Amino acid sequence: MRHYNIPIFIPELACPNKCIYCNQRFISGQQFQPNKNEIIEKINSHLQTFNSPFIAELAFFGGSFTGIEVNKQIEYLKIIQPYIIKGKIESIRISTRPDYITDDILHILKEYNVKTIELGAQSLSQDVLDFSQRGHRVEDVEKSSELILKMGFELGLQMMIGLPKDNIEKSINTANKIVSLGAKSTRIYPTLVIENTELANLYRKGEYTPLSLDQAIIWTSQIYQIFHNNNIKILRVGLHPSESLLNRTELLAGAFHVSFRELVLTQIWKEKFLQIPQDKSNDLVIFTHPKSKNHAIGYKGSNRSYLQNHFKTITYKEDLALNDLEFHYSTGK
């Protein structure tokens, strides 16, 4: 059965904070909060494209959902209930800030069939949070995560890499803490410099340098494997390539690529292949799970090209017994 997601963006509806990197209306490609009719129209439009049988989840993204006035939260959630009753939508996912979680809020979310709560942790290093003007502490993430799990919700924790004051050790530490806090899912976002943000001012003054694409790929490849090895679902790697990002009219700098996840997986596989003893007189056969074959070949065939420089011939074969990051190989004359 196929799983589908229906995203509803609510940009900056409740967030009084102005994180130095954030211009949510630009990132989401949406300038205004949707009304009831717009939400219904979007749901119906998505449902018409789904192939049966399917499981659909509606996700409120783009703002701090639980910071909205309570009656407005309930109004949004009530729109979805008829679809849940009819079995067209199975559950609801929301995204919010770690400091916008209370017992009362969680009881409301439970009543209206919210299944998953994602927190924008971004970093679990306090100096990184402070410089980014997040307005919450590491302890808020820890406390909210505990409350969410105690109430029976699934927990998601999002992280950003390359924020001011960040380094690879801090990002790896954040990933490990996300694991220990009990998250079932995550998202990994390299920091981008976007117009009309404080980060853009710092960038122009030479006081902030974002990760290069190569740096972001290497950082993310290490973090990706931490989550993969701990059975945490990686929902997204890099920002969704919206039209506003693709035309780069307001994207000043940073590691944005439409195939960022593929580049990360290419790097992971390349590092695995470095372990194979090289012999230009040998033929090499690599076995992977079918879903991993393209990543093992690499973005634009880059891993295959690398191996072709070190072996006589390269052949990729499929093995259903392997998981998505496992492989084995054979060599011969």
C-alpha atoms as a PDB file:
ATOM      1  CA  MET A   1       0.000   0.000   0.000  1.00  0.00           C
ATOM      2  CA  ARG A   2       1.376   3.385  -0.995  1.00  0.00           C
ATOM      3  CA  HIS A   3       1.852   6.211   1.510  1.00  0.00           C
ATOM      4  CA  TYR A   4       1.076   9.789   0.509  1.00  0.00           C
ATOM      5  CA  ASN A   5       1.518  13.125   2.216  1.00  0.00           C
ATOM      6  CA  ILE A   6      -0.713  16.184   1.791  1.00  0.00           C
ATOM      7  CA  PRO A   7       1.268  19.270   2.868  1.00  0.00           C
ATOM      8  CA  ILE A   8      -0.525  22.383   4.081  1.00  0.00           C
ATOM      9  CA  PHE A   9       1.796  25.350   4.593  1.00  0.00           C
ATOM     10  CA  ILE A  10       1.028  27.956   7.244  1.00  0.00           C
ATOM     11  CA  PRO A  11       3.956  30.407   7.030  1.00  0.00           C
ATOM     12  CA  GLU A  12       4.874  32.278  10.215  1.00  0.00           C
ATOM     13  CA  LEU A  13       1.310  32.272  11.471  1.00  0.00           C
ATOM     14  CA  ALA A  14       2.240  32.012  15.116  1.00  0.00           C
ATOM     15  CA  CYS A  15       5.971  32.480  15.460  1.00  0.00           C
ATOM     16  CA  PRO A  16       6.931  35.721  17.266  1.00  0.00           C
ATOM     17  CA  ASN A  17      10.587  34.794  16.891  1.00  0.00           C
ATOM     18  CA  LYS A  18      12.751  35.926  14.020  1.00  0.00           C
ATOM     19  CA  CYS A  19      15.485  33.339  13.701  1.00  0.00           C
ATOM     20  CA  ILE A  20      18.427  34.808  11.844  1.00  0.00           C
ATOM     21  CA  TYR A  21      18.084  32.378   8.924  1.00  0.00           C
ATOM     22  CA  CYS A  22      14.314  32.415   8.526  1.00  0.00           C
ATOM     23  CA  ASN A  23      12.171  33.850   5.770  1.00  0.00           C
ATOM     24  CA  GLN A  24       9.478  31.179   5.860  1.00  0.00           C
ATOM     25  CA  ARG A  25       7.234  32.762   3.237  1.00  0.00           C
ATOM     26  CA  PHE A  26      10.094  32.596   0.738  1.00  0.00           C
ATOM     27  CA  ILE A  27      11.129  29.050   1.652  1.00  0.00           C
ATOM     28  CA  SER A  28       7.603  27.641   1.433  1.00  0.00           C
ATOM     29  CA  GLY A  29       6.755  29.649  -1.671  1.00  0.00           C
ATOM     30  CA  GLN A  30       3.571  30.772   0.066  1.00  0.00           C
ATOM     31  CA  GLN A  31       2.840  34.300   1.210  1.00  0.00           C
ATOM     32  CA  PHE A  32      -0.451  33.967   3.077  1.00  0.00           C
ATOM     33  CA  GLN A  33      -2.175  31.562   5.436  1.00  0.00           C
ATOM     34  CA  PRO A  34      -4.726  29.326   3.674  1.00  0.00           C
ATOM     35  CA  ASN A  35      -8.419  29.540   4.526  1.00  0.00           C
ATOM     36  CA  LYS A  36     -10.824  26.632   4.942  1.00  0.00           C
ATOM     37  CA  ASN A  37     -11.887  26.508   1.293  1.00  0.00           C
ATOM     38  CA  GLU A  38      -8.284  26.585   0.087  1.00  0.00           C
ATOM     39  CA  ILE A  39      -7.357  23.710   2.398  1.00  0.00           C
ATOM     40  CA  ILE A  40     -10.336  21.626   1.256  1.00  0.00           C
ATOM     41  CA  GLU A  41      -9.508  22.336  -2.380  1.00  0.00           C
ATOM     42  CA  LYS A  42      -5.883  21.285  -1.867  1.00  0.00           C
ATOM     43  CA  ILE A  43      -6.886  18.081  -0.061  1.00  0.00           C
ATOM     44  CA  ASN A  44      -9.352  17.098  -2.764  1.00  0.00           C
ATOM     45  CA  SER A  45      -6.834  17.902  -5.483  1.00  0.00           C
ATOM     46  CA  HIS A  46      -4.216  15.651  -3.880  1.00  0.00           C
ATOM     47  CA  LEU A  47      -6.634  12.800  -3.202  1.00  0.00           C
ATOM     48  CA  GLN A  48      -7.584  12.683  -6.884  1.00  0.00           C
ATOM     49  CA  THR A  49      -3.976  11.904  -7.820  1.00  0.00           C
ATOM     50  CA  PHE A  50      -3.442   9.028  -5.368  1.00  0.00           C
ATOM     51  CA  ASN A  51      -3.400   5.467  -6.646  1.00  0.00           C
ATOM     52  CA  SER A  52      -5.514   3.056  -4.578  1.00  0.00           C
ATOM     53  CA  PRO A  53      -4.997   1.435  -2.188  1.00  0.00           C
ATOM     54  CA  PHE A  54      -3.233   4.173  -0.252  1.00  0.00           C
ATOM     55  CA  ILE A  55      -2.595   5.655   3.168  1.00  0.00           C
ATOM     56  CA  ALA A  56      -2.684   9.448   3.323  1.00  0.00           C
ATOM     57  CA  GLU A  57      -1.365  11.755   6.008  1.00  0.00           C
ATOM     58  CA  LEU A  58      -2.062  15.479   6.162  1.00  0.00           C
ATOM     59  CA  ALA A  59       0.818  17.631   7.400  1.00  0.00           C
ATOM     60  CA  PHE A  60       0.645  21.201   8.665  1.00  0.00           C
ATOM     61  CA  PHE A  61       4.056  22.740   7.944  1.00  0.00           C
ATOM     62  CA  GLY A  62       5.669  26.132   7.614  1.00  0.00           C
ATOM     63  CA  GLY A  63       4.723  27.657  10.958  1.00  0.00           C
ATOM     64  CA  SER A  64       4.530  26.861  14.635  1.00  0.00           C
ATOM     65  CA  PHE A  65       1.179  25.107  14.685  1.00  0.00           C
ATOM     66  CA  THR A  66       0.761  24.833  18.453  1.00  0.00           C
ATOM     67  CA  GLY A  67       1.556  28.516  18.863  1.00  0.00           C
ATOM     68  CA  ILE A  68      -1.603  29.431  17.008  1.00  0.00           C
ATOM     69  CA  GLU A  69      -4.518  30.594  19.153  1.00  0.00           C
ATOM     70  CA  VAL A  70      -6.204  27.424  20.409  1.00  0.00           C
ATOM     71  CA  ASN A  71      -9.543  28.009  18.675  1.00  0.00           C
ATOM     72  CA  LYS A  72      -7.700  28.475  15.371  1.00  0.00           C
ATOM     73  CA  GLN A  73      -5.830  25.201  15.899  1.00  0.00           C
ATOM     74  CA  ILE A  74      -9.124  23.426  16.483  1.00  0.00           C
ATOM     75  CA  GLU A  75     -10.646  25.123  13.422  1.00  0.00           C
ATOM     76  CA  TYR A  76      -7.831  23.805  11.223  1.00  0.00           C
ATOM     77  CA  LEU A  77      -7.981  20.328  12.741  1.00  0.00           C
ATOM     78  CA  LYS A  78     -11.776  20.104  12.375  1.00  0.00           C
ATOM     79  CA  ILE A  79     -11.455  20.604   8.607  1.00  0.00           C
ATOM     80  CA  ILE A  80      -9.624  17.282   8.391  1.00  0.00           C
ATOM     81  CA  GLN A  81     -11.947  15.188  10.561  1.00  0.00           C
ATOM     82  CA  PRO A  82     -14.546  14.300   7.855  1.00  0.00           C
ATOM     83  CA  TYR A  83     -11.742  12.900   5.701  1.00  0.00           C
ATOM     84  CA  ILE A  84     -10.504  10.799   8.619  1.00  0.00           C
ATOM     85  CA  ILE A  85     -14.013   9.517   9.373  1.00  0.00           C
ATOM     86  CA  LYS A  86     -14.418   8.484   5.709  1.00  0.00           C
ATOM     87  CA  GLY A  87     -10.996   6.800   5.712  1.00  0.00           C
ATOM     88  CA  LYS A  88      -9.530   9.103   3.083  1.00  0.00           C
ATOM     89  CA  ILE A  89      -6.901  10.506   5.463  1.00  0.00           C
ATOM     90  CA  GLU A  90      -5.448   8.305   8.165  1.00  0.00           C
ATOM     91  CA  SER A  91      -3.766  10.862  10.420  1.00  0.00           C
ATOM     92  CA  ILE A  92      -2.358  14.354  10.870  1.00  0.00           C
ATOM     93  CA  ARG A  93       1.234  15.517  11.289  1.00  0.00           C
ATOM     94  CA  ILE A  94       2.132  18.935  12.653  1.00  0.00           C
ATOM     95  CA  SER A  95       5.352  20.921  12.903  1.00  0.00           C
ATOM     96  CA  THR A  96       6.029  23.293  15.790  1.00  0.00           C
ATOM     97  CA  ARG A  97       8.591  24.809  18.148  1.00  0.00           C
ATOM     98  CA  PRO A  98       9.974  22.893  21.133  1.00  0.00           C
ATOM     99  CA  ASP A  99       8.779  25.601  23.526  1.00  0.00           C
ATOM    100  CA  TYR A 100       5.179  25.451  22.254  1.00  0.00           C
ATOM    101  CA  ILE A 101       4.302  22.082  23.781  1.00  0.00           C
ATOM    102  CA  THR A 102       2.102  21.727  26.888  1.00  0.00           C
ATOM    103  CA  ASP A 103      -0.089  18.984  28.341  1.00  0.00           C
ATOM    104  CA  ASP A 104      -3.247  20.915  27.390  1.00  0.00           C
ATOM    105  CA  ILE A 105      -2.108  21.342  23.800  1.00  0.00           C
ATOM    106  CA  LEU A 106      -1.212  17.666  23.510  1.00  0.00           C
ATOM    107  CA  HIS A 107      -4.665  16.608  24.733  1.00  0.00           C
ATOM    108  CA  ILE A 108      -6.277  18.733  22.004  1.00  0.00           C
ATOM    109  CA  LEU A 109      -4.011  17.283  19.330  1.00  0.00           C
ATOM    110  CA  LYS A 110      -4.781  13.749  20.514  1.00  0.00           C
ATOM    111  CA  GLU A 111      -8.531  14.421  20.353  1.00  0.00           C
ATOM    112  CA  TYR A 112      -8.279  15.490  16.708  1.00  0.00           C
ATOM    113  CA  ASN A 113      -6.247  12.541  15.421  1.00  0.00           C
ATOM    114  CA  VAL A 114      -2.809  14.112  15.275  1.00  0.00           C
ATOM    115  CA  LYS A 115      -0.366  11.224  15.121  1.00  0.00           C
ATOM    116  CA  THR A 116       3.077  12.811  14.679  1.00  0.00           C
ATOM    117  CA  ILE A 117       4.590  15.975  16.128  1.00  0.00           C
ATOM    118  CA  GLU A 118       7.761  17.322  14.571  1.00  0.00           C
ATOM    119  CA  LEU A 119       9.877  19.749  16.542  1.00  0.00           C
ATOM    120  CA  GLY A 120      12.287  22.148  14.887  1.00  0.00           C
ATOM    121  CA  ALA A 121      15.231  21.364  17.130  1.00  0.00           C
ATOM    122  CA  GLN A 122      17.718  22.682  14.519  1.00  0.00           C
ATOM    123  CA  SER A 123      20.676  22.185  16.887  1.00  0.00           C
ATOM    124  CA  LEU A 124      21.197  20.689  20.312  1.00  0.00           C
ATOM    125  CA  SER A 125      24.173  22.908  21.049  1.00  0.00           C
ATOM    126  CA  GLN A 126      23.073  25.896  23.124  1.00  0.00           C
ATOM    127  CA  ASP A 127      25.595  28.347  21.651  1.00  0.00           C
ATOM    128  CA  VAL A 128      24.302  27.587  18.155  1.00  0.00           C
ATOM    129  CA  LEU A 129      20.685  28.118  19.273  1.00  0.00           C
ATOM    130  CA  ASP A 130      21.563  31.379  21.028  1.00  0.00           C
ATOM    131  CA  PHE A 131      23.437  32.889  18.089  1.00  0.00           C
ATOM    132  CA  SER A 132      20.632  31.870  15.727  1.00  0.00           C
ATOM    133  CA  GLN A 133      18.117  33.616  18.019  1.00  0.00           C
ATOM    134  CA  ARG A 134      15.974  30.517  18.292  1.00  0.00           C
ATOM    135  CA  GLY A 135      14.502  31.718  21.573  1.00  0.00           C
ATOM    136  CA  HIS A 136      14.469  28.296  23.227  1.00  0.00           C
ATOM    137  CA  ARG A 137      16.942  26.100  25.075  1.00  0.00           C
ATOM    138  CA  VAL A 138      18.172  22.547  24.566  1.00  0.00           C
ATOM    139  CA  GLU A 139      16.186  21.654  27.698  1.00  0.00           C
ATOM    140  CA  ASP A 140      12.967  22.708  25.920  1.00  0.00           C
ATOM    141  CA  VAL A 141      13.632  20.120  23.208  1.00  0.00           C
ATOM    142  CA  GLU A 142      14.312  17.438  25.813  1.00  0.00           C
ATOM    143  CA  LYS A 143      11.236  18.245  27.908  1.00  0.00           C
ATOM    144  CA  SER A 144       8.871  18.524  24.930  1.00  0.00           C
ATOM    145  CA  SER A 145      10.158  15.293  23.398  1.00  0.00           C
ATOM    146  CA  GLU A 146       9.478  13.490  26.670  1.00  0.00           C
ATOM    147  CA  LEU A 147       5.921  14.888  26.901  1.00  0.00           C
ATOM    148  CA  ILE A 148       5.150  13.995  23.282  1.00  0.00           C
ATOM    149  CA  LEU A 149       6.267  10.401  23.701  1.00  0.00           C
ATOM    150  CA  LYS A 150       4.499  10.071  27.060  1.00  0.00           C
ATOM    151  CA  MET A 151       1.201  11.053  25.394  1.00  0.00           C
ATOM    152  CA  GLY A 152       1.654   8.376  22.722  1.00  0.00           C
ATOM    153  CA  PHE A 153       2.530  10.554  19.727  1.00  0.00           C
ATOM    154  CA  GLU A 154       5.276   9.771  17.254  1.00  0.00           C
ATOM    155  CA  LEU A 155       8.158  12.221  17.608  1.00  0.00           C
ATOM    156  CA  GLY A 156      10.021  13.872  14.754  1.00  0.00           C
ATOM    157  CA  LEU A 157      13.050  16.102  15.291  1.00  0.00           C
ATOM    158  CA  GLN A 158      14.381  18.330  12.537  1.00  0.00           C
ATOM    159  CA  MET A 159      17.969  19.572  12.412  1.00  0.00           C
ATOM    160  CA  MET A 160      20.010  22.124  10.472  1.00  0.00           C
ATOM    161  CA  ILE A 161      23.706  21.928   9.712  1.00  0.00           C
ATOM    162  CA  GLY A 162      26.130  24.761   9.156  1.00  0.00           C
ATOM    163  CA  LEU A 163      24.448  27.418  11.291  1.00  0.00           C
ATOM    164  CA  PRO A 164      26.714  30.084  12.820  1.00  0.00           C
ATOM    165  CA  LYS A 165      28.877  28.577  15.604  1.00  0.00           C
ATOM    166  CA  ASP A 166      28.172  25.063  14.265  1.00  0.00           C
ATOM    167  CA  ASN A 167      30.806  22.517  13.298  1.00  0.00           C
ATOM    168  CA  ILE A 168      30.789  18.868  12.266  1.00  0.00           C
ATOM    169  CA  GLU A 169      31.295  17.643  15.843  1.00  0.00           C
ATOM    170  CA  LYS A 170      28.319  19.672  17.105  1.00  0.00           C
ATOM    171  CA  SER A 171      26.108  18.470  14.255  1.00  0.00           C
ATOM    172  CA  ILE A 172      27.032  14.845  14.893  1.00  0.00           C
ATOM    173  CA  ASN A 173      26.299  15.408  18.582  1.00  0.00           C
ATOM    174  CA  THR A 174      22.889  16.829  17.639  1.00  0.00           C
ATOM    175  CA  ALA A 175      22.152  13.755  15.509  1.00  0.00           C
ATOM    176  CA  ASN A 176      23.114  11.413  18.344  1.00  0.00           C
ATOM    177  CA  LYS A 177      20.920  13.346  20.784  1.00  0.00           C
ATOM    178  CA  ILE A 178      17.997  13.140  18.370  1.00  0.00           C
ATOM    179  CA  VAL A 179      18.450   9.370  18.453  1.00  0.00           C
ATOM    180  CA  SER A 180      18.597   9.282  22.254  1.00  0.00           C
ATOM    181  CA  LEU A 181      15.481  11.468  22.591  1.00  0.00           C
ATOM    182  CA  GLY A 182      13.410   8.793  20.857  1.00  0.00           C
ATOM    183  CA  ALA A 183      12.630  10.389  17.487  1.00  0.00           C
ATOM    184  CA  LYS A 184      11.058   8.129  14.852  1.00  0.00           C
ATOM    185  CA  SER A 185      11.760  10.529  11.984  1.00  0.00           C
ATOM    186  CA  THR A 186      14.000  13.438  11.088  1.00  0.00           C
ATOM    187  CA  ARG A 187      14.841  15.995   8.433  1.00  0.00           C
ATOM    188  CA  ILE A 188      18.321  17.338   7.665  1.00  0.00           C
ATOM    189  CA  TYR A 189      18.608  20.856   6.248  1.00  0.00           C
ATOM    190  CA  PRO A 190      21.846  22.582   5.249  1.00  0.00           C
ATOM    191  CA  THR A 191      21.650  26.266   6.195  1.00  0.00           C
ATOM    192  CA  LEU A 192      20.891  28.573   3.268  1.00  0.00           C
ATOM    193  CA  VAL A 193      21.404  32.332   3.141  1.00  0.00           C
ATOM    194  CA  ILE A 194      18.141  33.906   2.032  1.00  0.00           C
ATOM    195  CA  GLU A 195      17.296  37.562   1.409  1.00  0.00           C
ATOM    196  CA  ASN A 196      15.542  39.600   4.105  1.00  0.00           C
ATOM    197  CA  THR A 197      17.132  37.676   6.970  1.00  0.00           C
ATOM    198  CA  GLU A 198      19.714  38.643   9.571  1.00  0.00           C
ATOM    199  CA  LEU A 199      21.901  35.852   8.191  1.00  0.00           C
ATOM    200  CA  ALA A 200      21.964  37.668   4.838  1.00  0.00           C
ATOM    201  CA  ASN A 201      23.299  40.759   6.608  1.00  0.00           C
ATOM    202  CA  LEU A 202      26.015  38.720   8.327  1.00  0.00           C
ATOM    203  CA  TYR A 203      26.919  37.057   5.027  1.00  0.00           C
ATOM    204  CA  ARG A 204      27.256  40.395   3.230  1.00  0.00           C
ATOM    205  CA  LYS A 205      29.467  41.737   6.022  1.00  0.00           C
ATOM    206  CA  GLY A 206      31.699  38.673   5.769  1.00  0.00           C
ATOM    207  CA  GLU A 207      30.755  37.529   9.269  1.00  0.00           C
ATOM    208  CA  TYR A 208      29.175  34.252   8.158  1.00  0.00           C
ATOM    209  CA  THR A 209      30.235  31.719   5.550  1.00  0.00           C
ATOM    210  CA  PRO A 210      27.789  28.916   4.729  1.00  0.00           C
ATOM    211  CA  LEU A 211      28.904  25.372   4.063  1.00  0.00           C
ATOM    212  CA  SER A 212      29.986  24.702   0.510  1.00  0.00           C
ATOM    213  CA  LEU A 213      28.077  22.020  -1.348  1.00  0.00           C
ATOM    214  CA  ASP A 214      30.943  19.561  -0.883  1.00  0.00           C
ATOM    215  CA  GLN A 215      31.151  20.296   2.855  1.00  0.00           C
ATOM    216  CA  ALA A 216      27.409  19.880   3.293  1.00  0.00           C
ATOM    217  CA  ILE A 217      27.484  16.558   1.434  1.00  0.00           C
ATOM    218  CA  ILE A 218      30.267  15.206   3.668  1.00  0.00           C
ATOM    219  CA  TRP A 219      28.604  16.389   6.905  1.00  0.00           C
ATOM    220  CA  THR A 220      25.226  15.045   5.878  1.00  0.00           C
ATOM    221  CA  SER A 221      26.614  11.693   4.742  1.00  0.00           C
ATOM    222  CA  GLN A 222      27.920  11.093   8.279  1.00  0.00           C
ATOM    223  CA  ILE A 223      24.706  12.266   9.936  1.00  0.00           C
ATOM    224  CA  TYR A 224      22.543  10.271   7.510  1.00  0.00           C
ATOM    225  CA  GLN A 225      24.263   7.041   8.538  1.00  0.00           C
ATOM    226  CA  ILE A 226      23.736   7.760  12.244  1.00  0.00           C
ATOM    227  CA  PHE A 227      19.998   7.989  11.654  1.00  0.00           C
ATOM    228  CA  HIS A 228      19.914   5.048   9.254  1.00  0.00           C
ATOM    229  CA  ASN A 229      21.800   2.806  11.672  1.00  0.00           C
ATOM    230  CA  ASN A 230      19.294   3.658  14.418  1.00  0.00           C
ATOM    231  CA  ASN A 231      16.200   3.007  12.266  1.00  0.00           C
ATOM    232  CA  ILE A 232      15.131   6.654  12.196  1.00  0.00           C
ATOM    233  CA  LYS A 233      13.216   7.545   9.045  1.00  0.00           C
ATOM    234  CA  ILE A 234      14.915  10.352   7.132  1.00  0.00           C
ATOM    235  CA  LEU A 235      11.997  12.241   5.619  1.00  0.00           C
ATOM    236  CA  ARG A 236      13.979  14.894   3.792  1.00  0.00           C
ATOM    237  CA  VAL A 237      17.572  15.808   3.058  1.00  0.00           C
ATOM    238  CA  GLY A 238      17.815  19.429   1.918  1.00  0.00           C
ATOM    239  CA  LEU A 239      15.009  21.887   1.288  1.00  0.00           C
ATOM    240  CA  HIS A 240      12.267  21.067  -1.184  1.00  0.00           C
ATOM    241  CA  PRO A 241      13.218  22.617  -4.545  1.00  0.00           C
ATOM    242  CA  SER A 242      10.407  25.173  -4.774  1.00  0.00           C
ATOM    243  CA  GLU A 243      10.256  27.588  -7.690  1.00  0.00           C
ATOM    244  CA  SER A 244      11.536  30.417  -5.473  1.00  0.00           C
ATOM    245  CA  LEU A 245      14.664  28.408  -4.651  1.00  0.00           C
ATOM    246  CA  LEU A 246      15.188  27.186  -8.183  1.00  0.00           C
ATOM    247  CA  ASN A 247      15.201  30.663  -9.727  1.00  0.00           C
ATOM    248  CA  ARG A 248      17.619  31.844  -7.001  1.00  0.00           C
ATOM    249  CA  THR A 249      16.229  35.379  -6.979  1.00  0.00           C
ATOM    250  CA  GLU A 250      16.428  35.501  -3.174  1.00  0.00           C
ATOM    251  CA  LEU A 251      18.830  32.630  -2.441  1.00  0.00           C
ATOM    252  CA  LEU A 252      22.154  34.324  -1.792  1.00  0.00           C
ATOM    253  CA  ALA A 253      24.395  31.401  -0.854  1.00  0.00           C
ATOM    254  CA  GLY A 254      24.502  27.953   0.667  1.00  0.00           C
ATOM    255  CA  ALA A 255      24.473  24.276  -0.218  1.00  0.00           C
ATOM    256  CA  PHE A 256      21.311  24.031  -2.312  1.00  0.00           C
ATOM    257  CA  HIS A 257      21.023  21.379  -5.013  1.00  0.00           C
ATOM    258  CA  VAL A 258      17.877  19.852  -6.494  1.00  0.00           C
ATOM    259  CA  SER A 259      19.449  16.381  -6.093  1.00  0.00           C
ATOM    260  CA  PHE A 260      21.051  16.946  -2.708  1.00  0.00           C
ATOM    261  CA  ARG A 261      19.875  13.645  -1.212  1.00  0.00           C
ATOM    262  CA  GLU A 262      21.196  11.743  -4.214  1.00  0.00           C
ATOM    263  CA  LEU A 263      24.560  13.488  -3.853  1.00  0.00           C
ATOM    264  CA  VAL A 264      24.688  12.499  -0.176  1.00  0.00           C
ATOM    265  CA  LEU A 265      23.903   8.861  -0.942  1.00  0.00           C
ATOM    266  CA  THR A 266      26.481   8.900  -3.740  1.00  0.00           C
ATOM    267  CA  GLN A 267      29.076  10.041  -1.180  1.00  0.00           C
ATOM    268  CA  ILE A 268      28.068   7.311   1.284  1.00  0.00           C
ATOM    269  CA  TRP A 269      28.481   4.635  -1.377  1.00  0.00           C
ATOM    270  CA  LYS A 270      31.767   6.081  -2.602  1.00  0.00           C
ATOM    271  CA  GLU A 271      33.186   5.816   0.923  1.00  0.00           C
ATOM    272  CA  LYS A 272      32.077   2.171   1.048  1.00  0.00           C
ATOM    273  CA  PHE A 273      33.789   1.400  -2.251  1.00  0.00           C
ATOM    274  CA  LEU A 274      37.067   2.915  -1.026  1.00  0.00           C
ATOM    275  CA  GLN A 275      37.341  -0.155   1.223  1.00  0.00           C
ATOM    276  CA  ILE A 276      37.608  -2.531  -1.754  1.00  0.00           C
ATOM    277  CA  PRO A 277      41.234  -3.496  -2.550  1.00  0.00           C
ATOM    278  CA  GLN A 278      42.005  -2.038  -5.965  1.00  0.00           C
ATOM    279  CA  ASP A 279      43.411  -4.114  -8.791  1.00  0.00           C
ATOM    280  CA  LYS A 280      43.221  -2.949 -12.409  1.00  0.00           C
ATOM    281  CA  SER A 281      43.607  -6.519 -13.606  1.00  0.00           C
ATOM    282  CA  ASN A 282      40.453  -7.628 -11.765  1.00  0.00           C
ATOM    283  CA  ASP A 283      36.806  -7.625 -12.773  1.00  0.00           C
ATOM    284  CA  LEU A 284      34.557  -6.254 -10.010  1.00  0.00           C
ATOM    285  CA  VAL A 285      30.954  -7.315  -9.372  1.00  0.00           C
ATOM    286  CA  ILE A 286      28.987  -5.282  -6.824  1.00  0.00           C
ATOM    287  CA  PHE A 287      25.766  -6.620  -5.296  1.00  0.00           C
ATOM    288  CA  THR A 288      23.222  -4.204  -3.788  1.00  0.00           C
ATOM    289  CA  HIS A 289      19.520  -4.079  -2.995  1.00  0.00           C
ATOM    290  CA  PRO A 290      17.580  -3.020  -6.133  1.00  0.00           C
ATOM    291  CA  LYS A 291      16.518   0.264  -4.493  1.00  0.00           C
ATOM    292  CA  SER A 292      20.158   1.161  -3.856  1.00  0.00           C
ATOM    293  CA  LYS A 293      21.586   0.326  -7.253  1.00  0.00           C
ATOM    294  CA  ASN A 294      21.322   3.840  -8.712  1.00  0.00           C
ATOM    295  CA  HIS A 295      22.877   5.403  -5.601  1.00  0.00           C
ATOM    296  CA  ALA A 296      25.698   2.867  -5.736  1.00  0.00           C
ATOM    297  CA  ILE A 297      26.289   3.761  -9.388  1.00  0.00           C
ATOM    298  CA  GLY A 298      26.310   7.367  -8.196  1.00  0.00           C
ATOM    299  CA  TYR A 299      24.983  10.728  -9.317  1.00  0.00           C
ATOM    300  CA  LYS A 300      25.578  10.924 -13.074  1.00  0.00           C
ATOM    301  CA  GLY A 301      27.450   7.622 -12.807  1.00  0.00           C
ATOM    302  CA  SER A 302      30.238   9.146 -10.723  1.00  0.00           C
ATOM    303  CA  ASN A 303      30.876   6.083  -8.532  1.00  0.00           C
ATOM    304  CA  ARG A 304      30.950   3.773 -11.515  1.00  0.00           C
ATOM    305  CA  SER A 305      33.413   6.116 -13.238  1.00  0.00           C
ATOM    306  CA  TYR A 306      35.597   6.119 -10.128  1.00  0.00           C
ATOM    307  CA  LEU A 307      35.634   2.306  -9.972  1.00  0.00           C
ATOM    308  CA  GLN A 308      36.331   2.015 -13.696  1.00  0.00           C
ATOM    309  CA  ASN A 309      39.653   3.750 -13.058  1.00  0.00           C
ATOM    310  CA  HIS A 310      40.658   1.042 -10.580  1.00  0.00           C
ATOM    311  CA  PHE A 311      39.265  -2.215 -12.020  1.00  0.00           C
ATOM    312  CA  LYS A 312      39.184  -3.944 -15.390  1.00  0.00           C
ATOM    313  CA  THR A 313      35.374  -4.106 -15.586  1.00  0.00           C
ATOM    314  CA  ILE A 314      32.501  -3.068 -13.300  1.00  0.00           C
ATOM    315  CA  THR A 315      29.187  -4.916 -13.025  1.00  0.00           C
ATOM    316  CA  TYR A 316      26.293  -4.115 -10.709  1.00  0.00           C
ATOM    317  CA  LYS A 317      23.915  -6.902  -9.673  1.00  0.00           C
ATOM    318  CA  GLU A 318      20.890  -7.006  -7.371  1.00  0.00           C
ATOM    319  CA  ASP A 319      20.479  -8.955  -4.131  1.00  0.00           C
ATOM    320  CA  LEU A 320      17.127  -8.732  -2.324  1.00  0.00           C
ATOM    321  CA  ALA A 321      18.675 -10.137   0.867  1.00  0.00           C
ATOM    322  CA  LEU A 322      20.608  -6.891   1.414  1.00  0.00           C
ATOM    323  CA  ASN A 323      19.256  -3.771   3.092  1.00  0.00           C
ATOM    324  CA  ASP A 324      19.496  -0.379   1.421  1.00  0.00           C
ATOM    325  CA  LEU A 325      23.036   0.487   2.558  1.00  0.00           C
ATOM    326  CA  GLU A 326      24.554  -3.005   2.446  1.00  0.00           C
ATOM    327  CA  PHE A 327      26.618  -4.523  -0.344  1.00  0.00           C
ATOM    328  CA  HIS A 328      28.988  -7.330  -1.078  1.00  0.00           C
ATOM    329  CA  TYR A 329      31.324  -7.863  -3.998  1.00  0.00           C
ATOM    330  CA  SER A 330      33.376 -10.406  -5.865  1.00  0.00           C
ATOM    331  CA  THR A 331      36.521  -9.980  -7.925  1.00  0.00           C
ATOM    332  CA  GLY A 332      38.287 -12.155 -10.453  1.00  0.00           C
ATOM    333  CA  LYS A 333      40.526 -12.180 -13.470  1.00  0.00           C
END
